[in-house]
mmCIF file of all heavy atoms, coordinates in Angstrom:
data_MODEL
# 
_entry.id   MODEL 
# 
loop_
_atom_site.group_PDB 
_atom_site.id 
_atom_site.type_symbol 
_atom_site.label_atom_id 
_atom_site.label_alt_id 
_atom_site.label_comp_id 
_atom_site.label_asym_id 
_atom_site.label_entity_id 
_atom_site.label_seq_id 
_atom_site.pdbx_PDB_ins_code 
_atom_site.Cartn_x 
_atom_site.Cartn_y 
_atom_site.Cartn_z 
_atom_site.occupancy 
_atom_site.B_iso_or_equiv 
_atom_site.pdbx_formal_charge 
_atom_site.auth_seq_id 
_atom_site.auth_comp_id 
_atom_site.auth_asym_id 
_atom_site.auth_atom_id 
_atom_site.pdbx_PDB_model_num 
ATOM 1   N N   . ASP A 1 1  ? 0.804  -1.216  0.009  1.00 0.00 ? 1  ASP A N   1 
ATOM 2   C CA  . ASP A 1 1  ? 0.011  -0.020  -0.017 1.00 0.00 ? 1  ASP A CA  1 
ATOM 3   C C   . ASP A 1 1  ? 0.859  1.257   0.034  1.00 0.00 ? 1  ASP A C   1 
ATOM 4   O O   . ASP A 1 1  ? 0.646  2.198   -0.759 1.00 0.00 ? 1  ASP A O   1 
ATOM 5   C CB  . ASP A 1 1  ? -0.964 -0.008  1.203  1.00 0.00 ? 1  ASP A CB  1 
ATOM 6   C CG  . ASP A 1 1  ? -2.036 -0.980  1.098  1.00 0.00 ? 1  ASP A CG  1 
ATOM 7   O OD1 . ASP A 1 1  ? -2.290 -1.464  -0.050 1.00 0.00 ? 1  ASP A OD1 1 
ATOM 8   O OD2 . ASP A 1 1  ? -2.702 -1.299  2.115  1.00 0.00 ? 1  ASP A OD2 1 
ATOM 9   N N   . TYR A 1 2  ? 1.887  1.258   0.851  1.00 0.00 ? 2  TYR A N   1 
ATOM 10  C CA  . TYR A 1 2  ? 2.724  2.427   0.963  1.00 0.00 ? 2  TYR A CA  1 
ATOM 11  C C   . TYR A 1 2  ? 3.618  2.614   -0.256 1.00 0.00 ? 2  TYR A C   1 
ATOM 12  O O   . TYR A 1 2  ? 4.022  3.708   -0.624 1.00 0.00 ? 2  TYR A O   1 
ATOM 13  C CB  . TYR A 1 2  ? 3.556  2.416   2.248  1.00 0.00 ? 2  TYR A CB  1 
ATOM 14  C CG  . TYR A 1 2  ? 2.751  2.549   3.511  1.00 0.00 ? 2  TYR A CG  1 
ATOM 15  C CD1 . TYR A 1 2  ? 3.022  1.794   4.635  1.00 0.00 ? 2  TYR A CD1 1 
ATOM 16  C CD2 . TYR A 1 2  ? 1.654  3.443   3.520  1.00 0.00 ? 2  TYR A CD2 1 
ATOM 17  C CE1 . TYR A 1 2  ? 2.236  1.872   5.761  1.00 0.00 ? 2  TYR A CE1 1 
ATOM 18  C CE2 . TYR A 1 2  ? 0.910  3.565   4.676  1.00 0.00 ? 2  TYR A CE2 1 
ATOM 19  C CZ  . TYR A 1 2  ? 1.185  2.767   5.795  1.00 0.00 ? 2  TYR A CZ  1 
ATOM 20  O OH  . TYR A 1 2  ? 0.385  2.933   6.901  1.00 0.00 ? 2  TYR A OH  1 
ATOM 21  N N   . LYS A 1 3  ? 3.951  1.472   -0.908 1.00 0.00 ? 3  LYS A N   1 
ATOM 22  C CA  . LYS A 1 3  ? 4.729  1.521   -2.133 1.00 0.00 ? 3  LYS A CA  1 
ATOM 23  C C   . LYS A 1 3  ? 3.896  2.163   -3.258 1.00 0.00 ? 3  LYS A C   1 
ATOM 24  O O   . LYS A 1 3  ? 4.390  3.000   -4.007 1.00 0.00 ? 3  LYS A O   1 
ATOM 25  C CB  . LYS A 1 3  ? 5.162  0.114   -2.582 1.00 0.00 ? 3  LYS A CB  1 
ATOM 26  C CG  . LYS A 1 3  ? 5.963  0.107   -3.877 1.00 0.00 ? 3  LYS A CG  1 
ATOM 27  C CD  . LYS A 1 3  ? 6.354  -1.284  -4.262 1.00 0.00 ? 3  LYS A CD  1 
ATOM 28  C CE  . LYS A 1 3  ? 7.117  -1.294  -5.593 1.00 0.00 ? 3  LYS A CE  1 
ATOM 29  N NZ  . LYS A 1 3  ? 7.444  -2.677  -6.004 1.00 0.00 ? 3  LYS A NZ  1 
ATOM 30  N N   . LYS A 1 4  ? 2.575  1.830   -3.307 1.00 0.00 ? 4  LYS A N   1 
ATOM 31  C CA  . LYS A 1 4  ? 1.696  2.419   -4.320 1.00 0.00 ? 4  LYS A CA  1 
ATOM 32  C C   . LYS A 1 4  ? 1.499  3.907   -4.067 1.00 0.00 ? 4  LYS A C   1 
ATOM 33  O O   . LYS A 1 4  ? 1.381  4.668   -5.007 1.00 0.00 ? 4  LYS A O   1 
ATOM 34  C CB  . LYS A 1 4  ? 0.317  1.744   -4.307 1.00 0.00 ? 4  LYS A CB  1 
ATOM 35  C CG  . LYS A 1 4  ? 0.335  0.317   -4.838 1.00 0.00 ? 4  LYS A CG  1 
ATOM 36  C CD  . LYS A 1 4  ? -1.040 -0.323  -4.756 1.00 0.00 ? 4  LYS A CD  1 
ATOM 37  C CE  . LYS A 1 4  ? -1.028 -1.725  -5.297 1.00 0.00 ? 4  LYS A CE  1 
ATOM 38  N NZ  . LYS A 1 4  ? -2.342 -2.419  -5.150 1.00 0.00 ? 4  LYS A NZ  1 
ATOM 39  N N   . ARG A 1 5  ? 1.572  4.286   -2.761 1.00 0.00 ? 5  ARG A N   1 
ATOM 40  C CA  . ARG A 1 5  ? 1.408  5.737   -2.461 1.00 0.00 ? 5  ARG A CA  1 
ATOM 41  C C   . ARG A 1 5  ? 2.767  6.466   -2.623 1.00 0.00 ? 5  ARG A C   1 
ATOM 42  O O   . ARG A 1 5  ? 2.848  7.654   -2.401 1.00 0.00 ? 5  ARG A O   1 
ATOM 43  C CB  . ARG A 1 5  ? 0.944  5.879   -0.974 1.00 0.00 ? 5  ARG A CB  1 
ATOM 44  C CG  . ARG A 1 5  ? -0.500 5.469   -0.801 1.00 0.00 ? 5  ARG A CG  1 
ATOM 45  C CD  . ARG A 1 5  ? -0.936 5.737   0.631  1.00 0.00 ? 5  ARG A CD  1 
ATOM 46  N NE  . ARG A 1 5  ? -0.884 7.154   0.964  1.00 0.00 ? 5  ARG A NE  1 
ATOM 47  C CZ  . ARG A 1 5  ? -1.255 7.676   2.141  1.00 0.00 ? 5  ARG A CZ  1 
ATOM 48  N NH1 . ARG A 1 5  ? -1.723 6.861   3.078  1.00 0.00 ? 5  ARG A NH1 1 
ATOM 49  N NH2 . ARG A 1 5  ? -1.174 9.002   2.397  1.00 0.00 ? 5  ARG A NH2 1 
ATOM 50  N N   . LYS A 1 6  ? 3.819  5.710   -3.040 1.00 0.00 ? 6  LYS A N   1 
ATOM 51  C CA  . LYS A 1 6  ? 5.145  6.261   -3.281 1.00 0.00 ? 6  LYS A CA  1 
ATOM 52  C C   . LYS A 1 6  ? 5.731  6.887   -2.013 1.00 0.00 ? 6  LYS A C   1 
ATOM 53  O O   . LYS A 1 6  ? 6.440  7.903   -2.058 1.00 0.00 ? 6  LYS A O   1 
ATOM 54  C CB  . LYS A 1 6  ? 5.118  7.314   -4.410 1.00 0.00 ? 6  LYS A CB  1 
ATOM 55  C CG  . LYS A 1 6  ? 4.711  6.720   -5.725 1.00 0.00 ? 6  LYS A CG  1 
ATOM 56  C CD  . LYS A 1 6  ? 4.691  7.725   -6.837 1.00 0.00 ? 6  LYS A CD  1 
ATOM 57  C CE  . LYS A 1 6  ? 4.295  7.082   -8.188 1.00 0.00 ? 6  LYS A CE  1 
ATOM 58  N NZ  . LYS A 1 6  ? 4.313  8.009   -9.272 1.00 0.00 ? 6  LYS A NZ  1 
ATOM 59  N N   . LEU A 1 7  ? 5.393  6.251   -0.835 1.00 0.00 ? 7  LEU A N   1 
ATOM 60  C CA  . LEU A 1 7  ? 5.956  6.698   0.395  1.00 0.00 ? 7  LEU A CA  1 
ATOM 61  C C   . LEU A 1 7  ? 7.199  5.892   0.774  1.00 0.00 ? 7  LEU A C   1 
ATOM 62  O O   . LEU A 1 7  ? 8.077  6.387   1.489  1.00 0.00 ? 7  LEU A O   1 
ATOM 63  C CB  . LEU A 1 7  ? 4.940  6.569   1.537  1.00 0.00 ? 7  LEU A CB  1 
ATOM 64  C CG  . LEU A 1 7  ? 3.676  7.395   1.395  1.00 0.00 ? 7  LEU A CG  1 
ATOM 65  C CD1 . LEU A 1 7  ? 2.717  7.119   2.502  1.00 0.00 ? 7  LEU A CD1 1 
ATOM 66  C CD2 . LEU A 1 7  ? 3.975  8.898   1.273  1.00 0.00 ? 7  LEU A CD2 1 
ATOM 67  N N   . ILE A 1 8  ? 7.308  4.644   0.242  1.00 0.00 ? 8  ILE A N   1 
ATOM 68  C CA  . ILE A 1 8  ? 8.502  3.822   0.427  1.00 0.00 ? 8  ILE A CA  1 
ATOM 69  C C   . ILE A 1 8  ? 8.937  3.214   -0.916 1.00 0.00 ? 8  ILE A C   1 
ATOM 70  O O   . ILE A 1 8  ? 8.134  3.169   -1.838 1.00 0.00 ? 8  ILE A O   1 
ATOM 71  C CB  . ILE A 1 8  ? 8.265  2.714   1.492  1.00 0.00 ? 8  ILE A CB  1 
ATOM 72  C CG1 . ILE A 1 8  ? 7.165  1.751   0.980  1.00 0.00 ? 8  ILE A CG1 1 
ATOM 73  C CG2 . ILE A 1 8  ? 7.942  3.306   2.842  1.00 0.00 ? 8  ILE A CG2 1 
ATOM 74  C CD1 . ILE A 1 8  ? 6.965  0.500   1.890  1.00 0.00 ? 8  ILE A CD1 1 
ATOM 75  N N   . GLN A 1 9  ? 10.110 2.793   -0.954 1.00 0.00 ? 9  GLN A N   1 
ATOM 76  C CA  . GLN A 1 9  ? 10.638 2.176   -2.164 1.00 0.00 ? 9  GLN A CA  1 
ATOM 77  C C   . GLN A 1 9  ? 11.629 1.069   -1.821 1.00 0.00 ? 9  GLN A C   1 
ATOM 78  O O   . GLN A 1 9  ? 12.301 1.119   -0.808 1.00 0.00 ? 9  GLN A O   1 
ATOM 79  C CB  . GLN A 1 9  ? 11.314 3.195   -3.111 1.00 0.00 ? 9  GLN A CB  1 
ATOM 80  C CG  . GLN A 1 9  ? 12.503 3.863   -2.454 1.00 0.00 ? 9  GLN A CG  1 
ATOM 81  C CD  . GLN A 1 9  ? 13.022 4.990   -3.308 1.00 0.00 ? 9  GLN A CD  1 
ATOM 82  O OE1 . GLN A 1 9  ? 12.557 5.261   -4.423 1.00 0.00 ? 9  GLN A OE1 1 
ATOM 83  N NE2 . GLN A 1 9  ? 14.039 5.758   -2.776 1.00 0.00 ? 9  GLN A NE2 1 
ATOM 84  N N   . GLU A 1 10 ? 11.687 0.065   -2.686 1.00 0.00 ? 10 GLU A N   1 
ATOM 85  C CA  . GLU A 1 10 ? 12.645 -1.039  -2.471 1.00 0.00 ? 10 GLU A CA  1 
ATOM 86  C C   . GLU A 1 10 ? 13.944 -0.700  -3.129 1.00 0.00 ? 10 GLU A C   1 
ATOM 87  O O   . GLU A 1 10 ? 13.964 -0.266  -4.278 1.00 0.00 ? 10 GLU A O   1 
ATOM 88  C CB  . GLU A 1 10 ? 12.061 -2.363  -3.055 1.00 0.00 ? 10 GLU A CB  1 
ATOM 89  C CG  . GLU A 1 10 ? 12.888 -3.572  -2.726 1.00 0.00 ? 10 GLU A CG  1 
ATOM 90  C CD  . GLU A 1 10 ? 12.306 -4.853  -3.212 1.00 0.00 ? 10 GLU A CD  1 
ATOM 91  O OE1 . GLU A 1 10 ? 11.509 -4.835  -4.185 1.00 0.00 ? 10 GLU A OE1 1 
ATOM 92  O OE2 . GLU A 1 10 ? 12.640 -5.924  -2.661 1.00 0.00 ? 10 GLU A OE2 1 
ATOM 93  N N   . VAL A 1 11 ? 14.988 -0.892  -2.402 1.00 0.00 ? 11 VAL A N   1 
ATOM 94  C CA  . VAL A 1 11 ? 16.343 -0.492  -2.863 1.00 0.00 ? 11 VAL A CA  1 
ATOM 95  C C   . VAL A 1 11 ? 17.203 -1.772  -2.872 1.00 0.00 ? 11 VAL A C   1 
ATOM 96  O O   . VAL A 1 11 ? 17.174 -2.560  -1.911 1.00 0.00 ? 11 VAL A O   1 
ATOM 97  C CB  . VAL A 1 11 ? 16.989 0.574   -1.974 1.00 0.00 ? 11 VAL A CB  1 
ATOM 98  C CG1 . VAL A 1 11 ? 18.408 0.892   -2.426 1.00 0.00 ? 11 VAL A CG1 1 
ATOM 99  C CG2 . VAL A 1 11 ? 16.134 1.812   -1.924 1.00 0.00 ? 11 VAL A CG2 1 
ATOM 100 N N   . VAL A 1 12 ? 17.917 -2.002  -3.957 1.00 0.00 ? 12 VAL A N   1 
ATOM 101 C CA  . VAL A 1 12 ? 18.853 -3.129  -4.106 1.00 0.00 ? 12 VAL A CA  1 
ATOM 102 C C   . VAL A 1 12 ? 20.235 -2.622  -3.775 1.00 0.00 ? 12 VAL A C   1 
ATOM 103 O O   . VAL A 1 12 ? 20.742 -1.669  -4.385 1.00 0.00 ? 12 VAL A O   1 
ATOM 104 C CB  . VAL A 1 12 ? 18.785 -3.722  -5.506 1.00 0.00 ? 12 VAL A CB  1 
ATOM 105 C CG1 . VAL A 1 12 ? 19.829 -4.838  -5.598 1.00 0.00 ? 12 VAL A CG1 1 
ATOM 106 C CG2 . VAL A 1 12 ? 17.386 -4.237  -5.805 1.00 0.00 ? 12 VAL A CG2 1 
ATOM 107 N N   . VAL A 1 13 ? 20.880 -3.171  -2.713 1.00 0.00 ? 13 VAL A N   1 
ATOM 108 C CA  . VAL A 1 13 ? 22.221 -2.803  -2.296 1.00 0.00 ? 13 VAL A CA  1 
ATOM 109 C C   . VAL A 1 13 ? 23.167 -3.876  -2.666 1.00 0.00 ? 13 VAL A C   1 
ATOM 110 O O   . VAL A 1 13 ? 22.971 -5.065  -2.256 1.00 0.00 ? 13 VAL A O   1 
ATOM 111 C CB  . VAL A 1 13 ? 22.249 -2.531  -0.807 1.00 0.00 ? 13 VAL A CB  1 
ATOM 112 C CG1 . VAL A 1 13 ? 23.658 -2.100  -0.373 1.00 0.00 ? 13 VAL A CG1 1 
ATOM 113 C CG2 . VAL A 1 13 ? 21.233 -1.440  -0.421 1.00 0.00 ? 13 VAL A CG2 1 
ATOM 114 N N   . LYS A 1 14 ? 24.205 -3.605  -3.437 1.00 0.00 ? 14 LYS A N   1 
ATOM 115 C CA  . LYS A 1 14 ? 25.229 -4.558  -3.808 1.00 0.00 ? 14 LYS A CA  1 
ATOM 116 C C   . LYS A 1 14 ? 26.516 -4.163  -3.123 1.00 0.00 ? 14 LYS A C   1 
ATOM 117 O O   . LYS A 1 14 ? 26.970 -3.044  -3.173 1.00 0.00 ? 14 LYS A O   1 
ATOM 118 C CB  . LYS A 1 14 ? 25.399 -4.616  -5.313 1.00 0.00 ? 14 LYS A CB  1 
ATOM 119 C CG  . LYS A 1 14 ? 24.197 -5.142  -6.035 1.00 0.00 ? 14 LYS A CG  1 
ATOM 120 C CD  . LYS A 1 14 ? 24.481 -5.221  -7.527 1.00 0.00 ? 14 LYS A CD  1 
ATOM 121 C CE  . LYS A 1 14 ? 23.255 -5.771  -8.258 1.00 0.00 ? 14 LYS A CE  1 
ATOM 122 N NZ  . LYS A 1 14 ? 23.450 -5.857  -9.735 1.00 0.00 ? 14 LYS A NZ  1 
ATOM 123 N N   . PHE A 1 15 ? 27.148 -5.138  -2.423 1.00 0.00 ? 15 PHE A N   1 
ATOM 124 C CA  . PHE A 1 15 ? 28.409 -4.873  -1.741 1.00 0.00 ? 15 PHE A CA  1 
ATOM 125 C C   . PHE A 1 15 ? 29.298 -6.073  -1.758 1.00 0.00 ? 15 PHE A C   1 
ATOM 126 O O   . PHE A 1 15 ? 28.899 -7.163  -2.204 1.00 0.00 ? 15 PHE A O   1 
ATOM 127 C CB  . PHE A 1 15 ? 28.212 -4.351  -0.322 1.00 0.00 ? 15 PHE A CB  1 
ATOM 128 C CG  . PHE A 1 15 ? 27.449 -5.331  0.584  1.00 0.00 ? 15 PHE A CG  1 
ATOM 129 C CD1 . PHE A 1 15 ? 28.075 -6.326  1.275  1.00 0.00 ? 15 PHE A CD1 1 
ATOM 130 C CD2 . PHE A 1 15 ? 26.037 -5.216  0.646  1.00 0.00 ? 15 PHE A CD2 1 
ATOM 131 C CE1 . PHE A 1 15 ? 27.375 -7.168  2.078  1.00 0.00 ? 15 PHE A CE1 1 
ATOM 132 C CE2 . PHE A 1 15 ? 25.337 -6.044  1.477  1.00 0.00 ? 15 PHE A CE2 1 
ATOM 133 C CZ  . PHE A 1 15 ? 26.003 -7.075  2.169  1.00 0.00 ? 15 PHE A CZ  1 
ATOM 134 N N   . VAL A 1 16 ? 30.506 -5.964  -1.263 1.00 0.00 ? 16 VAL A N   1 
ATOM 135 C CA  . VAL A 1 16 ? 31.485 -7.074  -1.230 1.00 0.00 ? 16 VAL A CA  1 
ATOM 136 C C   . VAL A 1 16 ? 31.801 -7.366  0.198  1.00 0.00 ? 16 VAL A C   1 
ATOM 137 O O   . VAL A 1 16 ? 32.086 -6.499  1.022  1.00 0.00 ? 16 VAL A O   1 
ATOM 138 C CB  . VAL A 1 16 ? 32.789 -6.651  -1.961 1.00 0.00 ? 16 VAL A CB  1 
ATOM 139 C CG1 . VAL A 1 16 ? 33.837 -7.795  -1.865 1.00 0.00 ? 16 VAL A CG1 1 
ATOM 140 C CG2 . VAL A 1 16 ? 32.474 -6.319  -3.427 1.00 0.00 ? 16 VAL A CG2 1 
ATOM 141 N N   . GLN A 1 17 ? 31.688 -8.646  0.537  1.00 0.00 ? 17 GLN A N   1 
ATOM 142 C CA  . GLN A 1 17 ? 32.058 -9.180  1.814  1.00 0.00 ? 17 GLN A CA  1 
ATOM 143 C C   . GLN A 1 17 ? 33.534 -9.592  1.829  1.00 0.00 ? 17 GLN A C   1 
ATOM 144 O O   . GLN A 1 17 ? 33.961 -10.386 0.955  1.00 0.00 ? 17 GLN A O   1 
ATOM 145 C CB  . GLN A 1 17 ? 31.182 -10.340 2.240  1.00 0.00 ? 17 GLN A CB  1 
ATOM 146 C CG  . GLN A 1 17 ? 31.347 -10.856 3.645  1.00 0.00 ? 17 GLN A CG  1 
ATOM 147 C CD  . GLN A 1 17 ? 30.794 -9.906  4.717  1.00 0.00 ? 17 GLN A CD  1 
ATOM 148 O OE1 . GLN A 1 17 ? 29.895 -9.102  4.433  1.00 0.00 ? 17 GLN A OE1 1 
ATOM 149 N NE2 . GLN A 1 17 ? 31.420 -9.963  5.878  1.00 0.00 ? 17 GLN A NE2 1 
ATOM 150 N N   . LEU A 1 18 ? 34.352 -9.094  2.755  1.00 0.00 ? 18 LEU A N   1 
ATOM 151 C CA  . LEU A 1 18 ? 35.790 -9.435  2.792  1.00 0.00 ? 18 LEU A CA  1 
ATOM 152 C C   . LEU A 1 18 ? 36.129 -10.281 3.963  1.00 0.00 ? 18 LEU A C   1 
ATOM 153 O O   . LEU A 1 18 ? 35.606 -10.052 5.092  1.00 0.00 ? 18 LEU A O   1 
ATOM 154 C CB  . LEU A 1 18 ? 36.631 -8.140  2.803  1.00 0.00 ? 18 LEU A CB  1 
ATOM 155 C CG  . LEU A 1 18 ? 36.733 -7.241  1.627  1.00 0.00 ? 18 LEU A CG  1 
ATOM 156 C CD1 . LEU A 1 18 ? 35.511 -6.363  1.513  1.00 0.00 ? 18 LEU A CD1 1 
ATOM 157 C CD2 . LEU A 1 18 ? 37.981 -6.369  1.731  1.00 0.00 ? 18 LEU A CD2 1 
ATOM 158 N N   . GLU A 1 19 ? 37.032 -11.172 3.773  1.00 0.00 ? 19 GLU A N   1 
ATOM 159 C CA  . GLU A 1 19 ? 37.640 -11.943 4.862  1.00 0.00 ? 19 GLU A CA  1 
ATOM 160 C C   . GLU A 1 19 ? 39.134 -12.141 4.604  1.00 0.00 ? 19 GLU A C   1 
ATOM 161 O O   . GLU A 1 19 ? 39.616 -11.907 3.449  1.00 0.00 ? 19 GLU A O   1 
ATOM 162 C CB  . GLU A 1 19 ? 36.974 -13.351 4.979  1.00 0.00 ? 19 GLU A CB  1 
ATOM 163 C CG  . GLU A 1 19 ? 35.493 -13.276 5.391  1.00 0.00 ? 19 GLU A CG  1 
ATOM 164 C CD  . GLU A 1 19 ? 34.901 -14.644 5.512  1.00 0.00 ? 19 GLU A CD  1 
ATOM 165 O OE1 . GLU A 1 19 ? 35.582 -15.665 5.314  1.00 0.00 ? 19 GLU A OE1 1 
ATOM 166 O OE2 . GLU A 1 19 ? 33.673 -14.733 5.811  1.00 0.00 ? 19 GLU A OE2 1 
ATOM 167 N N   . LYS A 1 20 ? 39.896 -12.582 5.599  1.00 0.00 ? 20 LYS A N   1 
ATOM 168 C CA  . LYS A 1 20 ? 41.286 -12.848 5.407  1.00 0.00 ? 20 LYS A CA  1 
ATOM 169 C C   . LYS A 1 20 ? 41.498 -14.021 4.487  1.00 0.00 ? 20 LYS A C   1 
ATOM 170 O O   . LYS A 1 20 ? 40.794 -15.025 4.566  1.00 0.00 ? 20 LYS A O   1 
ATOM 171 C CB  . LYS A 1 20 ? 41.978 -13.142 6.754  1.00 0.00 ? 20 LYS A CB  1 
ATOM 172 C CG  . LYS A 1 20 ? 42.000 -11.975 7.698  1.00 0.00 ? 20 LYS A CG  1 
ATOM 173 C CD  . LYS A 1 20 ? 42.693 -12.390 9.022  1.00 0.00 ? 20 LYS A CD  1 
ATOM 174 C CE  . LYS A 1 20 ? 42.702 -11.265 10.000 1.00 0.00 ? 20 LYS A CE  1 
ATOM 175 N NZ  . LYS A 1 20 ? 43.324 -11.643 11.292 1.00 0.00 ? 20 LYS A NZ  1 
ATOM 176 N N   . GLY A 1 21 ? 42.483 -13.909 3.592  1.00 0.00 ? 21 GLY A N   1 
ATOM 177 C CA  . GLY A 1 21 ? 42.846 -14.997 2.717  1.00 0.00 ? 21 GLY A CA  1 
ATOM 178 C C   . GLY A 1 21 ? 43.932 -15.874 3.278  1.00 0.00 ? 21 GLY A C   1 
ATOM 179 O O   . GLY A 1 21 ? 44.487 -15.549 4.360  1.00 0.00 ? 21 GLY A O   1 
ATOM 180 N N   . PRO A 1 22 ? 44.242 -17.014 2.588  1.00 0.00 ? 22 PRO A N   1 
ATOM 181 C CA  . PRO A 1 22 ? 45.282 -17.916 3.096  1.00 0.00 ? 22 PRO A CA  1 
ATOM 182 C C   . PRO A 1 22 ? 46.610 -17.273 3.278  1.00 0.00 ? 22 PRO A C   1 
ATOM 183 O O   . PRO A 1 22 ? 47.396 -17.614 4.189  1.00 0.00 ? 22 PRO A O   1 
ATOM 184 C CB  . PRO A 1 22 ? 45.314 -19.039 1.991  1.00 0.00 ? 22 PRO A CB  1 
ATOM 185 C CG  . PRO A 1 22 ? 44.009 -18.925 1.314  1.00 0.00 ? 22 PRO A CG  1 
ATOM 186 C CD  . PRO A 1 22 ? 43.610 -17.521 1.397  1.00 0.00 ? 22 PRO A CD  1 
ATOM 187 N N   . ASN A 1 23 ? 46.951 -16.287 2.428  1.00 0.00 ? 23 ASN A N   1 
ATOM 188 C CA  . ASN A 1 23 ? 48.259 -15.626 2.482  1.00 0.00 ? 23 ASN A CA  1 
ATOM 189 C C   . ASN A 1 23 ? 48.133 -14.177 3.023  1.00 0.00 ? 23 ASN A C   1 
ATOM 190 O O   . ASN A 1 23 ? 48.793 -13.232 2.609  1.00 0.00 ? 23 ASN A O   1 
ATOM 191 C CB  . ASN A 1 23 ? 48.899 -15.552 1.121  1.00 0.00 ? 23 ASN A CB  1 
ATOM 192 C CG  . ASN A 1 23 ? 49.171 -16.959 0.560  1.00 0.00 ? 23 ASN A CG  1 
ATOM 193 O OD1 . ASN A 1 23 ? 49.444 -17.893 1.336  1.00 0.00 ? 23 ASN A OD1 1 
ATOM 194 N ND2 . ASN A 1 23 ? 49.099 -17.143 -0.730 1.00 0.00 ? 23 ASN A ND2 1 
ATOM 195 N N   . PHE A 1 24 ? 47.215 -14.025 3.976  1.00 0.00 ? 24 PHE A N   1 
ATOM 196 C CA  . PHE A 1 24 ? 46.910 -12.667 4.524  1.00 0.00 ? 24 PHE A CA  1 
ATOM 197 C C   . PHE A 1 24 ? 48.162 -12.096 5.205  1.00 0.00 ? 24 PHE A C   1 
ATOM 198 O O   . PHE A 1 24 ? 48.840 -12.770 5.951  1.00 0.00 ? 24 PHE A O   1 
ATOM 199 C CB  . PHE A 1 24 ? 45.753 -12.671 5.472  1.00 0.00 ? 24 PHE A CB  1 
ATOM 200 C CG  . PHE A 1 24 ? 45.438 -11.338 6.019  1.00 0.00 ? 24 PHE A CG  1 
ATOM 201 C CD1 . PHE A 1 24 ? 44.685 -10.420 5.306  1.00 0.00 ? 24 PHE A CD1 1 
ATOM 202 C CD2 . PHE A 1 24 ? 45.888 -10.991 7.290  1.00 0.00 ? 24 PHE A CD2 1 
ATOM 203 C CE1 . PHE A 1 24 ? 44.382 -9.168  5.823  1.00 0.00 ? 24 PHE A CE1 1 
ATOM 204 C CE2 . PHE A 1 24 ? 45.587 -9.745  7.789  1.00 0.00 ? 24 PHE A CE2 1 
ATOM 205 C CZ  . PHE A 1 24 ? 44.828 -8.825  7.067  1.00 0.00 ? 24 PHE A CZ  1 
ATOM 206 N N   . THR A 1 25 ? 48.418 -10.831 4.956  1.00 0.00 ? 25 THR A N   1 
ATOM 207 C CA  . THR A 1 25 ? 49.414 -10.055 5.593  1.00 0.00 ? 25 THR A CA  1 
ATOM 208 C C   . THR A 1 25 ? 49.081 -8.574  5.515  1.00 0.00 ? 25 THR A C   1 
ATOM 209 O O   . THR A 1 25 ? 48.356 -8.167  4.591  1.00 0.00 ? 25 THR A O   1 
ATOM 210 C CB  . THR A 1 25 ? 50.820 -10.261 4.976  1.00 0.00 ? 25 THR A CB  1 
ATOM 211 O OG1 . THR A 1 25 ? 51.795 -9.470  5.664  1.00 0.00 ? 25 THR A OG1 1 
ATOM 212 C CG2 . THR A 1 25 ? 50.848 -9.939  3.539  1.00 0.00 ? 25 THR A CG2 1 
ATOM 213 N N   . THR A 1 26 ? 49.529 -7.817  6.444  1.00 0.00 ? 26 THR A N   1 
ATOM 214 C CA  . THR A 1 26 ? 49.234 -6.349  6.403  1.00 0.00 ? 26 THR A CA  1 
ATOM 215 C C   . THR A 1 26 ? 50.323 -5.593  5.625  1.00 0.00 ? 26 THR A C   1 
ATOM 216 O O   . THR A 1 26 ? 50.188 -4.392  5.376  1.00 0.00 ? 26 THR A O   1 
ATOM 217 C CB  . THR A 1 26 ? 49.128 -5.789  7.809  1.00 0.00 ? 26 THR A CB  1 
ATOM 218 O OG1 . THR A 1 26 ? 50.321 -6.069  8.528  1.00 0.00 ? 26 THR A OG1 1 
ATOM 219 C CG2 . THR A 1 26 ? 47.920 -6.386  8.559  1.00 0.00 ? 26 THR A CG2 1 
ATOM 220 N N   . LYS A 1 27 ? 51.427 -6.247  5.310  1.00 0.00 ? 27 LYS A N   1 
ATOM 221 C CA  . LYS A 1 27 ? 52.495 -5.595  4.534  1.00 0.00 ? 27 LYS A CA  1 
ATOM 222 C C   . LYS A 1 27 ? 52.499 -6.160  3.133  1.00 0.00 ? 27 LYS A C   1 
ATOM 223 O O   . LYS A 1 27 ? 52.808 -7.334  2.893  1.00 0.00 ? 27 LYS A O   1 
ATOM 224 C CB  . LYS A 1 27 ? 53.853 -5.859  5.223  1.00 0.00 ? 27 LYS A CB  1 
ATOM 225 C CG  . LYS A 1 27 ? 53.956 -5.219  6.599  1.00 0.00 ? 27 LYS A CG  1 
ATOM 226 C CD  . LYS A 1 27 ? 55.333 -5.436  7.163  1.00 0.00 ? 27 LYS A CD  1 
ATOM 227 C CE  . LYS A 1 27 ? 55.441 -4.718  8.543  1.00 0.00 ? 27 LYS A CE  1 
ATOM 228 N NZ  . LYS A 1 27 ? 56.797 -4.906  9.126  1.00 0.00 ? 27 LYS A NZ  1 
# 
């Protein structure tokens, strides 16, 4: 109902999830 009234909208968010790799180092 609120979408039809243009009070809310669906937003698609794309992002990248990061983790440490096998050869992780800070240098």
